[in-house]
């Protein structure tokens, strides 16, 4: 591996570790950062989809729905960027409602697995119930959910930084062994 590549990998891991530390120290910053990241991703993916849909209108009969979806995605991206604090405050509640919905669906699906004789259906039921309870708790205490989400973002970013450091160390060892 070339030295500049190693340098970039090292810098990336250091930046990720520092960003993760900031997220752990300030979970509110992590949520606003997540909102900005999601906003930019929605904006750029919407723009790319819009360009594709405009190009594909002569080929695909339902390209109009793609165009509408792309415009909506760009609008939501702009909204996230323009109202980052509002979205950051709403994000834990939206996430909690999604967890409750998905967990209830999982619990209900477990009975279908039971009906066909799947042996682990009960684990799916328990996870569904646990998820619904945790999601309900997050709805009841959105500030605690916000802190938890911020901490999870921080831990995720730190683990990405550690993974890059480990990769750098292993690449160094592999190069040493090969020479």
Protein backbone atom coordinates (compact mmCIF):
# COMPACT_ATOMS: atom_id res chain seq x y z
CA UNK A 1 0.00 0.00 0.00
CA UNK A 2 1.33 3.43 -0.92
CA UNK A 3 2.26 5.82 1.92
CA UNK A 4 -0.37 8.46 0.91
CA UNK A 5 -3.10 5.80 1.15
CA UNK A 6 -1.90 4.85 4.62
CA UNK A 7 -1.86 8.51 5.62
CA UNK A 8 -5.44 9.01 4.42
CA UNK A 9 -6.56 5.89 6.27
CA UNK A 10 -4.85 7.11 9.45
CA UNK A 11 -6.34 10.61 9.12
CA UNK A 12 -9.79 9.19 8.48
CA UNK A 13 -9.60 7.02 11.58
CA UNK A 14 -8.39 9.92 13.73
CA UNK A 15 -11.19 12.18 12.42
CA UNK A 16 -13.78 9.47 13.04
CA UNK A 17 -12.53 8.91 16.59
CA UNK A 18 -12.60 12.65 17.30
CA UNK A 19 -16.07 13.02 15.78
CA UNK A 20 -17.30 10.06 17.82
CA UNK A 21 -15.91 11.60 20.99
CA UNK A 22 -17.76 14.85 20.25
CA UNK A 23 -20.95 12.86 19.63
CA UNK A 24 -20.57 11.08 22.98
CA UNK A 25 -19.89 14.34 24.79
CA UNK A 26 -22.72 16.17 23.00
CA UNK A 27 -25.45 13.76 21.78
CA UNK A 28 -27.49 16.73 20.55
CA UNK A 29 -24.68 17.57 18.12
CA UNK A 30 -24.79 13.97 16.87
CA UNK A 31 -28.49 14.28 16.05
CA UNK A 32 -28.06 17.55 14.20
CA UNK A 33 -25.12 16.03 12.30
CA UNK A 34 -27.26 13.01 11.42
CA UNK A 35 -30.00 15.34 10.18
CA UNK A 36 -27.50 17.20 8.00
CA UNK A 37 -26.08 13.96 6.61
CA UNK A 38 -29.55 12.61 5.83
CA UNK A 39 -30.54 15.96 4.32
CA UNK A 40 -27.57 16.06 1.95
CA UNK A 41 -28.05 12.39 1.01
CA UNK A 42 -31.72 13.00 0.22
CA UNK A 43 -30.88 16.10 -1.77
CA UNK A 44 -28.18 14.46 -3.90
CA UNK A 45 -30.03 11.17 -4.38
CA UNK A 46 -33.13 13.14 -5.37
CA UNK A 47 -31.13 15.18 -7.88
CA UNK A 48 -29.53 12.05 -9.36
CA UNK A 49 -32.95 10.35 -9.57
CA UNK A 50 -34.46 13.45 -11.18
CA UNK A 51 -31.77 13.53 -13.86
CA UNK A 52 -32.26 9.80 -14.48
CA UNK A 53 -36.05 10.12 -14.62
CA UNK A 54 -35.87 13.02 -17.08
CA UNK A 55 -33.55 10.96 -19.26
CA UNK A 56 -35.70 7.83 -18.99
CA UNK A 57 -39.07 9.43 -19.78
CA UNK A 58 -38.90 8.34 -23.40
CA UNK A 59 -38.14 4.72 -22.43
CA UNK A 60 -40.04 4.06 -19.21
CA UNK A 61 -43.81 4.52 -19.16
CA UNK A 62 -43.97 5.41 -15.45
CA UNK A 63 -41.01 7.80 -15.30
CA UNK A 64 -43.40 10.47 -14.02
CA UNK A 65 -43.63 8.70 -10.67
CA UNK A 66 -39.82 8.61 -10.53
CA UNK A 67 -39.76 12.33 -11.22
CA UNK A 68 -42.30 12.99 -8.48
CA UNK A 69 -40.37 10.80 -6.02
CA UNK A 70 -37.12 12.59 -6.86
CA UNK A 71 -38.68 16.03 -6.38
CA UNK A 72 -40.22 14.93 -3.07
CA UNK A 73 -36.86 13.55 -1.91
CA UNK A 74 -35.13 16.84 -2.78
CA UNK A 75 -37.87 18.79 -0.96
CA UNK A 76 -37.42 16.64 2.17
CA UNK A 77 -33.64 17.08 1.90
CA UNK A 78 -34.04 20.87 1.70
CA UNK A 79 -36.44 20.75 4.64
CA UNK A 80 -33.95 18.75 6.74
CA UNK A 81 -31.18 21.24 5.94
CA UNK A 82 -33.32 24.36 6.45
CA UNK A 83 -34.93 23.14 9.70
CA UNK A 84 -32.15 21.01 11.18
CA UNK A 85 -32.98 21.70 14.84
CA UNK A 86 -36.70 21.00 14.36
CA UNK A 87 -35.95 17.73 12.57
CA UNK A 88 -33.34 16.79 15.19
CA UNK A 89 -35.99 17.20 17.89
CA UNK A 90 -38.54 15.19 15.92
CA UNK A 91 -36.16 12.42 14.83
CA UNK A 92 -36.23 10.45 18.12
CA UNK A 93 -40.04 10.42 18.10
CA UNK A 94 -40.22 9.39 14.46
CA UNK A 95 -37.67 6.67 15.14
CA UNK A 96 -39.60 5.51 18.22
CA UNK A 97 -42.89 5.28 16.30
CA UNK A 98 -41.12 3.33 13.55
CA UNK A 99 -39.64 0.93 16.17
CA UNK A 100 -43.11 0.37 17.71
CA UNK A 101 -44.66 -0.30 14.29
CA UNK A 102 -41.89 -2.67 13.15
CA UNK A 103 -41.89 -4.48 16.51
CA UNK A 104 -45.64 -5.06 16.45
CA UNK A 105 -45.34 -6.37 12.89
CA UNK A 106 -42.52 -8.69 14.03
CA UNK A 107 -44.59 -10.00 16.95
CA UNK A 108 -47.56 -10.66 14.67
CA UNK A 109 -45.36 -12.34 12.05
CA UNK A 110 -43.99 -14.69 14.70
CA UNK A 111 -47.39 -16.44 14.80
CA UNK A 112 -47.11 -17.15 11.07
CA UNK A 113 -43.72 -18.75 11.72
CA UNK A 114 -45.26 -20.77 14.57
CA UNK A 115 -48.02 -21.97 12.26
CA UNK A 116 -45.49 -23.39 9.77
CA UNK A 117 -43.50 -25.08 12.54
CA UNK A 118 -40.47 -22.77 12.83
CA UNK A 119 -38.70 -23.60 16.10
CA UNK A 120 -37.52 -20.06 16.93
CA UNK A 121 -40.85 -18.30 16.50
CA UNK A 122 -40.98 -17.45 20.19
CA UNK A 123 -37.70 -15.48 20.00
CA UNK A 124 -39.24 -13.36 17.26
CA UNK A 125 -42.30 -12.81 19.45
CA UNK A 126 -40.18 -11.80 22.46
CA UNK A 127 -38.06 -9.43 20.37
CA UNK A 128 -41.21 -7.89 18.94
CA UNK A 129 -42.68 -7.34 22.39
CA UNK A 130 -39.38 -5.96 23.73
CA UNK A 131 -39.05 -3.60 20.77
CA UNK A 132 -42.62 -2.37 21.19
CA UNK A 133 -42.00 -1.71 24.88
CA UNK A 134 -38.71 0.11 24.20
CA UNK A 135 -40.31 2.17 21.44
CA UNK A 136 -43.22 3.07 23.71
CA UNK A 137 -40.72 4.11 26.39
CA UNK A 138 -38.95 6.30 23.84
CA UNK A 139 -42.27 7.94 22.93
CA UNK A 140 -42.95 8.60 26.60
CA UNK A 141 -39.44 10.04 27.17
CA UNK A 142 -38.27 11.56 23.87
CA UNK A 143 -35.38 13.44 25.53
CA UNK A 144 -33.94 10.13 26.76
CA UNK A 145 -34.44 8.67 23.28
CA UNK A 146 -32.60 11.65 21.78
CA UNK A 147 -29.63 11.15 24.09
CA UNK A 148 -29.62 7.42 23.36
CA UNK A 149 -29.65 8.01 19.60
CA UNK A 150 -26.85 10.56 19.92
CA UNK A 151 -24.78 8.12 21.96
CA UNK A 152 -25.42 5.32 19.45
CA UNK A 153 -24.27 7.58 16.62
CA UNK A 154 -21.13 8.42 18.61
CA UNK A 155 -20.39 4.78 19.34
CA UNK A 156 -20.97 3.86 15.71
CA UNK A 157 -18.57 6.56 14.50
CA UNK A 158 -15.94 5.53 17.06
CA UNK A 159 -16.21 1.88 16.02
CA UNK A 160 -15.73 2.92 12.38
CA UNK A 161 -12.58 4.81 13.42
CA UNK A 162 -11.27 1.82 15.37
CA UNK A 163 -12.00 -0.47 12.40
CA UNK A 164 -9.86 1.74 10.16
CA UNK A 165 -7.02 1.77 12.68
CA UNK A 166 -7.15 -2.03 12.92
CA UNK A 167 -7.14 -2.26 9.11
CA UNK A 168 -4.13 0.04 8.98
CA UNK A 169 -2.24 -2.07 11.52
CA UNK A 170 -3.04 -5.31 9.70
CA UNK A 171 -2.03 -3.85 6.34
CA UNK A 172 1.27 -2.78 7.90
CA UNK A 173 1.82 -6.29 9.30
CA UNK A 174 0.94 -7.93 5.98
CA UNK A 175 3.36 -5.66 4.10
CA UNK A 176 6.09 -6.43 6.63
CA UNK A 177 5.49 -10.18 6.29
CA UNK A 178 5.50 -9.96 2.49
CA UNK A 179 8.86 -8.17 2.32
